[in-house]
PDB file of N, CA and C in Angstrom:
ATOM      1  N   MET A   1       0.812  -1.188   0.000  1.00  0.00           N
ATOM      2  CA  MET A   1       0.000   0.000   0.000  1.00  0.00           C
ATOM      3  C   MET A   1       0.858   1.255   0.000  1.00  0.00           C
ATOM      4  N   GLU A   2       1.919   1.238   0.762  1.00  0.00           N
ATOM      5  CA  GLU A   2       2.763   2.430   0.832  1.00  0.00           C
ATOM      6  C   GLU A   2       3.409   2.708  -0.520  1.00  0.00           C
ATOM      7  N   ARG A   3       3.793   1.666  -1.223  1.00  0.00           N
ATOM      8  CA  ARG A   3       4.372   1.841  -2.556  1.00  0.00           C
ATOM      9  C   ARG A   3       3.326   2.442  -3.508  1.00  0.00           C
ATOM     10  N   TRP A   4       2.093   1.930  -3.440  1.00  0.00           N
ATOM     11  CA  TRP A   4       1.026   2.462  -4.289  1.00  0.00           C
ATOM     12  C   TRP A   4       0.761   3.918  -3.919  1.00  0.00           C
ATOM     13  N   ARG A   5       0.709   4.201  -2.634  1.00  0.00           N
ATOM     14  CA  ARG A   5       0.470   5.559  -2.154  1.00  0.00           C
ATOM     15  C   ARG A   5       1.502   6.543  -2.722  1.00  0.00           C
ATOM     16  N   LYS A   6       2.768   6.150  -2.679  1.00  0.00           N
ATOM     17  CA  LYS A   6       3.836   7.031  -3.161  1.00  0.00           C
ATOM     18  C   LYS A   6       3.774   7.237  -4.670  1.00  0.00           C
ATOM     19  N   SER A   7       3.295   6.245  -5.388  1.00  0.00           N
ATOM     20  CA  SER A   7       3.229   6.374  -6.845  1.00  0.00           C
ATOM     21  C   SER A   7       1.927   7.029  -7.325  1.00  0.00           C
ATOM     22  N   HIS A   8       1.005   7.321  -6.399  1.00  0.00           N
ATOM     23  CA  HIS A   8      -0.269   7.974  -6.738  1.00  0.00           C
ATOM     24  C   HIS A   8      -0.503   9.152  -5.778  1.00  0.00           C
ATOM     25  N   PRO A   9       0.263  10.223  -5.947  1.00  0.00           N
ATOM     26  CA  PRO A   9       0.201  11.333  -4.991  1.00  0.00           C
ATOM     27  C   PRO A   9      -1.144  12.062  -4.948  1.00  0.00           C
ATOM     28  N   ASN A  10      -1.999  11.890  -5.940  1.00  0.00           N
ATOM     29  CA  ASN A  10      -3.303  12.545  -5.925  1.00  0.00           C
ATOM     30  C   ASN A  10      -4.340  11.791  -5.100  1.00  0.00           C
ATOM     31  N   ALA A  11      -4.033  10.569  -4.712  1.00  0.00           N
ATOM     32  CA  ALA A  11      -4.944   9.780  -3.881  1.00  0.00           C
ATOM     33  C   ALA A  11      -4.611  10.020  -2.410  1.00  0.00           C
ATOM     34  N   VAL A  12      -5.622  10.031  -1.587  1.00  0.00           N
ATOM     35  CA  VAL A  12      -5.423  10.161  -0.139  1.00  0.00           C
ATOM     36  C   VAL A  12      -5.512   8.762   0.454  1.00  0.00           C
ATOM     37  N   VAL A  13      -4.429   8.321   1.064  1.00  0.00           N
ATOM     38  CA  VAL A  13      -4.378   6.993   1.671  1.00  0.00           C
ATOM     39  C   VAL A  13      -4.151   7.185   3.164  1.00  0.00           C
ATOM     40  N   VAL A  14      -5.057   6.637   3.964  1.00  0.00           N
ATOM     41  CA  VAL A  14      -4.949   6.765   5.407  1.00  0.00           C
ATOM     42  C   VAL A  14      -4.923   5.374   6.021  1.00  0.00           C
ATOM     43  N   PRO A  15      -3.745   4.927   6.476  1.00  0.00           N
ATOM     44  CA  PRO A  15      -3.693   3.654   7.183  1.00  0.00           C
ATOM     45  C   PRO A  15      -4.380   3.821   8.545  1.00  0.00           C
ATOM     46  N   VAL A  16      -5.175   2.830   8.936  1.00  0.00           N
ATOM     47  CA  VAL A  16      -5.860   2.868  10.223  1.00  0.00           C
ATOM     48  C   VAL A  16      -5.448   1.640  11.022  1.00  0.00           C
ATOM     49  N   ASP A  17      -4.932   1.869  12.211  1.00  0.00           N
ATOM     50  CA  ASP A  17      -4.600   0.768  13.106  1.00  0.00           C
ATOM     51  C   ASP A  17      -5.785   0.583  14.057  1.00  0.00           C
ATOM     52  N   VAL A  18      -6.353  -0.621  14.038  1.00  0.00           N
ATOM     53  CA  VAL A  18      -7.571  -0.880  14.788  1.00  0.00           C
ATOM     54  C   VAL A  18      -7.288  -1.735  16.020  1.00  0.00           C
ATOM     55  N   GLY A  19      -7.626  -1.177  17.182  1.00  0.00           N
ATOM     56  CA  GLY A  19      -7.631  -1.943  18.419  1.00  0.00           C
ATOM     57  C   GLY A  19      -6.302  -2.200  19.089  1.00  0.00           C
ATOM     58  N   GLU A  20      -5.231  -1.563  18.648  1.00  0.00           N
ATOM     59  CA  GLU A  20      -3.928  -1.796  19.268  1.00  0.00           C
ATOM     60  C   GLU A  20      -3.466  -0.547  20.007  1.00  0.00           C
ATOM     61  N   PRO A  21      -2.612  -0.728  21.003  1.00  0.00           N
ATOM     62  CA  PRO A  21      -2.065   0.437  21.698  1.00  0.00           C
ATOM     63  C   PRO A  21      -1.214   1.295  20.762  1.00  0.00           C
ATOM     64  N   ARG A  22      -1.149   2.588  21.062  1.00  0.00           N
ATOM     65  CA  ARG A  22      -0.388   3.539  20.254  1.00  0.00           C
ATOM     66  C   ARG A  22       1.052   3.071  20.036  1.00  0.00           C
ATOM     67  N   SER A  23       1.676   2.517  21.065  1.00  0.00           N
ATOM     68  CA  SER A  23       3.077   2.102  20.953  1.00  0.00           C
ATOM     69  C   SER A  23       3.250   0.990  19.919  1.00  0.00           C
ATOM     70  N   VAL A  24       2.318   0.059  19.865  1.00  0.00           N
ATOM     71  CA  VAL A  24       2.386  -1.029  18.881  1.00  0.00           C
ATOM     72  C   VAL A  24       2.214  -0.471  17.470  1.00  0.00           C
ATOM     73  N   ALA A  25       1.229   0.420  17.292  1.00  0.00           N
ATOM     74  CA  ALA A  25       0.996   1.027  15.982  1.00  0.00           C
ATOM     75  C   ALA A  25       2.192   1.858  15.543  1.00  0.00           C
ATOM     76  N   ALA A  26       2.768   2.607  16.481  1.00  0.00           N
ATOM     77  CA  ALA A  26       3.923   3.452  16.153  1.00  0.00           C
ATOM     78  C   ALA A  26       5.123   2.617  15.746  1.00  0.00           C
ATOM     79  N   ASP A  27       5.369   1.523  16.445  1.00  0.00           N
ATOM     80  CA  ASP A  27       6.484   0.639  16.085  1.00  0.00           C
ATOM     81  C   ASP A  27       6.292   0.072  14.683  1.00  0.00           C
ATOM     82  N   PHE A  28       5.078  -0.384  14.382  1.00  0.00           N
ATOM     83  CA  PHE A  28       4.782  -0.948  13.058  1.00  0.00           C
ATOM     84  C   PHE A  28       4.950   0.124  11.984  1.00  0.00           C
ATOM     85  N   ALA A  29       4.423   1.311  12.232  1.00  0.00           N
ATOM     86  CA  ALA A  29       4.517   2.404  11.258  1.00  0.00           C
ATOM     87  C   ALA A  29       5.971   2.778  10.998  1.00  0.00           C
ATOM     88  N   ARG A  30       6.764   2.807  12.037  1.00  0.00           N
ATOM     89  CA  ARG A  30       8.193   3.121  11.865  1.00  0.00           C
ATOM     90  C   ARG A  30       8.890   2.040  11.054  1.00  0.00           C
ATOM     91  N   ARG A  31       8.622   0.793  11.406  1.00  0.00           N
ATOM     92  CA  ARG A  31       9.288  -0.332  10.748  1.00  0.00           C
ATOM     93  C   ARG A  31       8.993  -0.352   9.249  1.00  0.00           C
ATOM     94  N   TYR A  32       7.763  -0.004   8.871  1.00  0.00           N
ATOM     95  CA  TYR A  32       7.379  -0.082   7.457  1.00  0.00           C
ATOM     96  C   TYR A  32       7.247   1.291   6.796  1.00  0.00           C
ATOM     97  N   ALA A  33       7.767   2.325   7.444  1.00  0.00           N
ATOM     98  CA  ALA A  33       7.787   3.692   6.909  1.00  0.00           C
ATOM     99  C   ALA A  33       6.399   4.151   6.470  1.00  0.00           C
ATOM    100  N   LEU A  34       5.401   3.920   7.312  1.00  0.00           N
ATOM    101  CA  LEU A  34       4.045   4.352   7.028  1.00  0.00           C
ATOM    102  C   LEU A  34       3.845   5.761   7.575  1.00  0.00           C
ATOM    103  N   GLY A  35       3.179   6.576   6.806  1.00  0.00           N
ATOM    104  CA  GLY A  35       2.910   7.932   7.253  1.00  0.00           C
ATOM    105  C   GLY A  35       1.445   8.126   7.583  1.00  0.00           C
ATOM    106  N   ASP A  36       1.169   9.059   8.474  1.00  0.00           N
ATOM    107  CA  ASP A  36      -0.200   9.468   8.782  1.00  0.00           C
ATOM    108  C   ASP A  36      -1.117   8.311   9.185  1.00  0.00           C
ATOM    109  N   VAL A  37      -0.683   7.502  10.113  1.00  0.00           N
ATOM    110  CA  VAL A  37      -1.503   6.382  10.575  1.00  0.00           C
ATOM    111  C   VAL A  37      -2.532   6.903  11.578  1.00  0.00           C
ATOM    112  N   ALA A  38      -3.798   6.603  11.308  1.00  0.00           N
ATOM    113  CA  ALA A  38      -4.872   6.958  12.234  1.00  0.00           C
ATOM    114  C   ALA A  38      -5.059   5.813  13.225  1.00  0.00           C
ATOM    115  N   LEU A  39      -5.344   6.169  14.458  1.00  0.00           N
ATOM    116  CA  LEU A  39      -5.559   5.156  15.489  1.00  0.00           C
ATOM    117  C   LEU A  39      -7.051   4.995  15.753  1.00  0.00           C
ATOM    118  N   ASP A  40      -7.476   3.753  15.883  1.00  0.00           N
ATOM    119  CA  ASP A  40      -8.870   3.422  16.197  1.00  0.00           C
ATOM    120  C   ASP A  40      -8.853   2.443  17.368  1.00  0.00           C
ATOM    121  N   PRO A  41      -8.532   2.921  18.571  1.00  0.00           N
ATOM    122  CA  PRO A  41      -8.384   2.015  19.713  1.00  0.00           C
ATOM    123  C   PRO A  41      -9.681   1.333  20.136  1.00  0.00           C
ATOM    124  N   LYS A  42     -10.827   1.926  19.814  1.00  0.00           N
ATOM    125  CA  LYS A  42     -12.110   1.338  20.215  1.00  0.00           C
ATOM    126  C   LYS A  42     -12.757   0.523  19.101  1.00  0.00           C
ATOM    127  N   THR A  43     -12.031   0.297  18.018  1.00  0.00           N
ATOM    128  CA  THR A  43     -12.473  -0.482  16.849  1.00  0.00           C
ATOM    129  C   THR A  43     -13.767   0.052  16.218  1.00  0.00           C
ATOM    130  N   SER A  44     -13.943   1.346  16.230  1.00  0.00           N
ATOM    131  CA  SER A  44     -15.134   1.962  15.635  1.00  0.00           C
ATOM    132  C   SER A  44     -15.185   1.807  14.121  1.00  0.00           C
ATOM    133  N   ALA A  45     -14.030   1.703  13.474  1.00  0.00           N
ATOM    134  CA  ALA A  45     -13.986   1.624  12.010  1.00  0.00           C
ATOM    135  C   ALA A  45     -14.520   0.302  11.480  1.00  0.00           C
ATOM    136  N   ARG A  46     -14.408  -0.754  12.262  1.00  0.00           N
ATOM    137  CA  ARG A  46     -14.852  -2.066  11.767  1.00  0.00           C
ATOM    138  C   ARG A  46     -16.298  -2.053  11.305  1.00  0.00           C
ATOM    139  N   PRO A  47     -17.264  -1.688  12.153  1.00  0.00           N
ATOM    140  CA  PRO A  47     -18.655  -1.693  11.674  1.00  0.00           C
ATOM    141  C   PRO A  47     -18.944  -0.563  10.685  1.00  0.00           C
ATOM    142  N   LEU A  48     -18.278   0.560  10.859  1.00  0.00           N
ATOM    143  CA  LEU A  48     -18.519   1.707   9.983  1.00  0.00           C
ATOM    144  C   LEU A  48     -18.190   1.383   8.530  1.00  0.00           C
ATOM    145  N   PHE A  49     -17.099   0.633   8.315  1.00  0.00           N
ATOM    146  CA  PHE A  49     -16.662   0.297   6.963  1.00  0.00           C
ATOM    147  C   PHE A  49     -16.894  -1.169   6.611  1.00  0.00           C
ATOM    148  N   GLY A  50     -17.551  -1.918   7.481  1.00  0.00           N
ATOM    149  CA  GLY A  50     -17.838  -3.325   7.208  1.00  0.00           C
ATOM    150  C   GLY A  50     -16.592  -4.186   7.150  1.00  0.00           C
ATOM    151  N   VAL A  51     -15.638  -3.916   8.029  1.00  0.00           N
ATOM    152  CA  VAL A  51     -14.379  -4.660   8.045  1.00  0.00           C
ATOM    153  C   VAL A  51     -14.565  -5.966   8.808  1.00  0.00           C
ATOM    154  N   GLU A  52     -14.261  -7.065   8.148  1.00  0.00           N
ATOM    155  CA  GLU A  52     -14.343  -8.385   8.770  1.00  0.00           C
ATOM    156  C   GLU A  52     -12.972  -8.889   9.186  1.00  0.00           C
ATOM    157  N   GLY A  53     -11.980  -8.688   8.341  1.00  0.00           N
ATOM    158  CA  GLY A  53     -10.631  -9.187   8.606  1.00  0.00           C
ATOM    159  C   GLY A  53      -9.600  -8.129   8.271  1.00  0.00           C
ATOM    160  N   PHE A  54      -8.372  -8.453   8.613  1.00  0.00           N
ATOM    161  CA  PHE A  54      -7.274  -7.508   8.393  1.00  0.00           C
ATOM    162  C   PHE A  54      -6.190  -8.141   7.551  1.00  0.00           C
ATOM    163  N   PRO A  55      -5.523  -7.398   6.701  1.00  0.00           N
ATOM    164  CA  PRO A  55      -5.815  -6.006   6.384  1.00  0.00           C
ATOM    165  C   PRO A  55      -7.029  -5.900   5.469  1.00  0.00           C
ATOM    166  N   THR A  56      -7.678  -4.759   5.514  1.00  0.00           N
ATOM    167  CA  THR A  56      -8.777  -4.439   4.606  1.00  0.00           C
ATOM    168  C   THR A  56      -8.497  -3.071   3.998  1.00  0.00           C
ATOM    169  N   ILE A  57      -8.716  -2.957   2.706  1.00  0.00           N
ATOM    170  CA  ILE A  57      -8.538  -1.698   1.993  1.00  0.00           C
ATOM    171  C   ILE A  57      -9.922  -1.254   1.537  1.00  0.00           C
ATOM    172  N   VAL A  58     -10.279  -0.019   1.877  1.00  0.00           N
ATOM    173  CA  VAL A  58     -11.582   0.536   1.526  1.00  0.00           C
ATOM    174  C   VAL A  58     -11.358   1.772   0.662  1.00  0.00           C
ATOM    175  N   VAL A  59     -12.050   1.830  -0.474  1.00  0.00           N
ATOM    176  CA  VAL A  59     -11.980   2.999  -1.353  1.00  0.00           C
ATOM    177  C   VAL A  59     -13.237   3.823  -1.125  1.00  0.00           C
ATOM    178  N   ILE A  60     -13.023   5.091  -0.768  1.00  0.00           N
ATOM    179  CA  ILE A  60     -14.126   6.003  -0.505  1.00  0.00           C
ATOM    180  C   ILE A  60     -14.029   7.146  -1.508  1.00  0.00           C
ATOM    181  N   ASP A  61     -15.146   7.455  -2.159  1.00  0.00           N
ATOM    182  CA  ASP A  61     -15.113   8.517  -3.164  1.00  0.00           C
ATOM    183  C   ASP A  61     -15.221   9.898  -2.511  1.00  0.00           C
ATOM    184  N   ALA A  62     -15.209  10.927  -3.324  1.00  0.00           N
ATOM    185  CA  ALA A  62     -15.224  12.309  -2.832  1.00  0.00           C
ATOM    186  C   ALA A  62     -16.504  12.650  -2.081  1.00  0.00           C
ATOM    187  N   HIS A  63     -17.551  11.854  -2.259  1.00  0.00           N
ATOM    188  CA  HIS A  63     -18.820  12.082  -1.570  1.00  0.00           C
ATOM    189  C   HIS A  63     -18.922  11.297  -0.266  1.00  0.00           C
ATOM    190  N   GLY A  64     -17.888  10.520   0.037  1.00  0.00           N
ATOM    191  CA  GLY A  64     -17.891   9.726   1.265  1.00  0.00           C
ATOM    192  C   GLY A  64     -18.521   8.354   1.120  1.00  0.00           C
ATOM    193  N   ASP A  65     -18.801   7.938  -0.105  1.00  0.00           N
ATOM    194  CA  ASP A  65     -19.414   6.638  -0.350  1.00  0.00           C
ATOM    195  C   ASP A  65     -18.344   5.567  -0.552  1.00  0.00           C
ATOM    196  N   ILE A  66     -18.566   4.397   0.025  1.00  0.00           N
ATOM    197  CA  ILE A  66     -17.657   3.269  -0.179  1.00  0.00           C
ATOM    198  C   ILE A  66     -17.868   2.744  -1.588  1.00  0.00           C
ATOM    199  N   ARG A  67     -16.797   2.714  -2.369  1.00  0.00           N
ATOM    200  CA  ARG A  67     -16.882   2.276  -3.768  1.00  0.00           C
ATOM    201  C   ARG A  67     -16.281   0.913  -4.004  1.00  0.00           C
ATOM    202  N   ALA A  68     -15.336   0.506  -3.160  1.00  0.00           N
ATOM    203  CA  ALA A  68     -14.702  -0.806  -3.316  1.00  0.00           C
ATOM    204  C   ALA A  68     -14.085  -1.195  -1.981  1.00  0.00           C
ATOM    205  N   LYS A  69     -13.889  -2.510  -1.812  1.00  0.00           N
ATOM    206  CA  LYS A  69     -13.274  -3.004  -0.583  1.00  0.00           C
ATOM    207  C   LYS A  69     -12.589  -4.336  -0.889  1.00  0.00           C
ATOM    208  N   TRP A  70     -11.383  -4.494  -0.355  1.00  0.00           N
ATOM    209  CA  TRP A  70     -10.636  -5.738  -0.511  1.00  0.00           C
ATOM    210  C   TRP A  70     -10.100  -6.160   0.842  1.00  0.00           C
ATOM    211  N   GLU A  71     -10.180  -7.446   1.118  1.00  0.00           N
ATOM    212  CA  GLU A  71      -9.612  -7.983   2.351  1.00  0.00           C
ATOM    213  C   GLU A  71      -8.435  -8.872   2.021  1.00  0.00           C
ATOM    214  N   GLY A  72      -7.446  -8.853   2.909  1.00  0.00           N
ATOM    215  CA  GLY A  72      -6.280  -9.714   2.743  1.00  0.00           C
ATOM    216  C   GLY A  72      -5.170  -9.043   1.968  1.00  0.00           C
ATOM    217  N   LEU A  73      -4.089  -9.784   1.827  1.00  0.00           N
ATOM    218  CA  LEU A  73      -2.931  -9.303   1.072  1.00  0.00           C
ATOM    219  C   LEU A  73      -2.940  -9.961  -0.293  1.00  0.00           C
ATOM    220  N   ASN A  74      -2.955  -9.138  -1.325  1.00  0.00           N
ATOM    221  CA  ASN A  74      -3.007  -9.654  -2.681  1.00  0.00           C
ATOM    222  C   ASN A  74      -2.326  -8.624  -3.583  1.00  0.00           C
ATOM    223  N   PRO A  75      -1.303  -9.032  -4.331  1.00  0.00           N
ATOM    224  CA  PRO A  75      -0.607  -8.087  -5.205  1.00  0.00           C
ATOM    225  C   PRO A  75      -1.521  -7.427  -6.246  1.00  0.00           C
ATOM    226  N   ALA A  76      -2.616  -8.059  -6.591  1.00  0.00           N
ATOM    227  CA  ALA A  76      -3.531  -7.501  -7.596  1.00  0.00           C
ATOM    228  C   ALA A  76      -4.313  -6.311  -7.057  1.00  0.00           C
ATOM    229  N   ILE A  77      -4.312  -6.099  -5.749  1.00  0.00           N
ATOM    230  CA  ILE A  77      -5.049  -4.973  -5.183  1.00  0.00           C
ATOM    231  C   ILE A  77      -4.503  -3.652  -5.708  1.00  0.00           C
ATOM    232  N   GLY A  78      -3.198  -3.549  -5.892  1.00  0.00           N
ATOM    233  CA  GLY A  78      -2.611  -2.323  -6.438  1.00  0.00           C
ATOM    234  C   GLY A  78      -3.178  -1.981  -7.800  1.00  0.00           C
ATOM    235  N   MET A  79      -3.324  -2.991  -8.662  1.00  0.00           N
ATOM    236  CA  MET A  79      -3.918  -2.753  -9.988  1.00  0.00           C
ATOM    237  C   MET A  79      -5.383  -2.345  -9.849  1.00  0.00           C
ATOM    238  N   ALA A  80      -6.099  -3.001  -8.940  1.00  0.00           N
ATOM    239  CA  ALA A  80      -7.505  -2.673  -8.733  1.00  0.00           C
ATOM    240  C   ALA A  80      -7.653  -1.253  -8.181  1.00  0.00           C
ATOM    241  N   LEU A  81      -6.765  -0.847  -7.306  1.00  0.00           N
ATOM    242  CA  LEU A  81      -6.783   0.517  -6.767  1.00  0.00           C
ATOM    243  C   LEU A  81      -6.555   1.536  -7.881  1.00  0.00           C
ATOM    244  N   SER A  82      -5.611   1.256  -8.743  1.00  0.00           N
ATOM    245  CA  SER A  82      -5.343   2.166  -9.863  1.00  0.00           C
ATOM    246  C   SER A  82      -6.567   2.293 -10.756  1.00  0.00           C
ATOM    247  N   HIS A  83      -7.237   1.177 -11.001  1.00  0.00           N
ATOM    248  CA  HIS A  83      -8.465   1.201 -11.806  1.00  0.00           C
ATOM    249  C   HIS A  83      -9.559   2.000 -11.095  1.00  0.00           C
ATOM    250  N   ALA A  84      -9.719   1.766  -9.782  1.00  0.00           N
ATOM    251  CA  ALA A  84     -10.738   2.488  -9.015  1.00  0.00           C
ATOM    252  C   ALA A  84     -10.446   3.982  -9.040  1.00  0.00           C
ATOM    253  N   GLN A  85      -9.193   4.366  -8.868  1.00  0.00           N
ATOM    254  CA  GLN A  85      -8.854   5.781  -8.871  1.00  0.00           C
ATOM    255  C   GLN A  85      -9.160   6.417 -10.224  1.00  0.00           C
ATOM    256  N   ALA A  86      -8.904   5.693 -11.289  1.00  0.00           N
ATOM    257  CA  ALA A  86      -9.137   6.227 -12.638  1.00  0.00           C
ATOM    258  C   ALA A  86     -10.621   6.354 -12.962  1.00  0.00           C
ATOM    259  N   THR A  87     -11.464   5.559 -12.304  1.00  0.00           N
ATOM    260  CA  THR A  87     -12.887   5.563 -12.644  1.00  0.00           C
ATOM    261  C   THR A  87     -13.755   6.321 -11.658  1.00  0.00           C
ATOM    262  N   LEU A  88     -13.186   6.807 -10.560  1.00  0.00           N
ATOM    263  CA  LEU A  88     -14.005   7.545  -9.584  1.00  0.00           C
ATOM    264  C   LEU A  88     -14.104   8.995  -9.945  1.00  0.00           C
TER     265      LEU A  88
END
């Protein structure tokens, strides 16, 4: 995701750490050079975005509507994100 984020500067990508202490999220963000990680210690994002498993990537359009969602790690998600960005 971070590689895709860097190659698509017009997209806003916000990593969200759900349910972990700040120190754990900060260590992970440092290790993988993630920027602007939002913390969700009370797991509010799960029901709001329909997250079942982790990681989950959610595409939200300019109107705040969920347009796409992918769960798990899959190299094809980067291509799908590029397609979603081009069509939104």
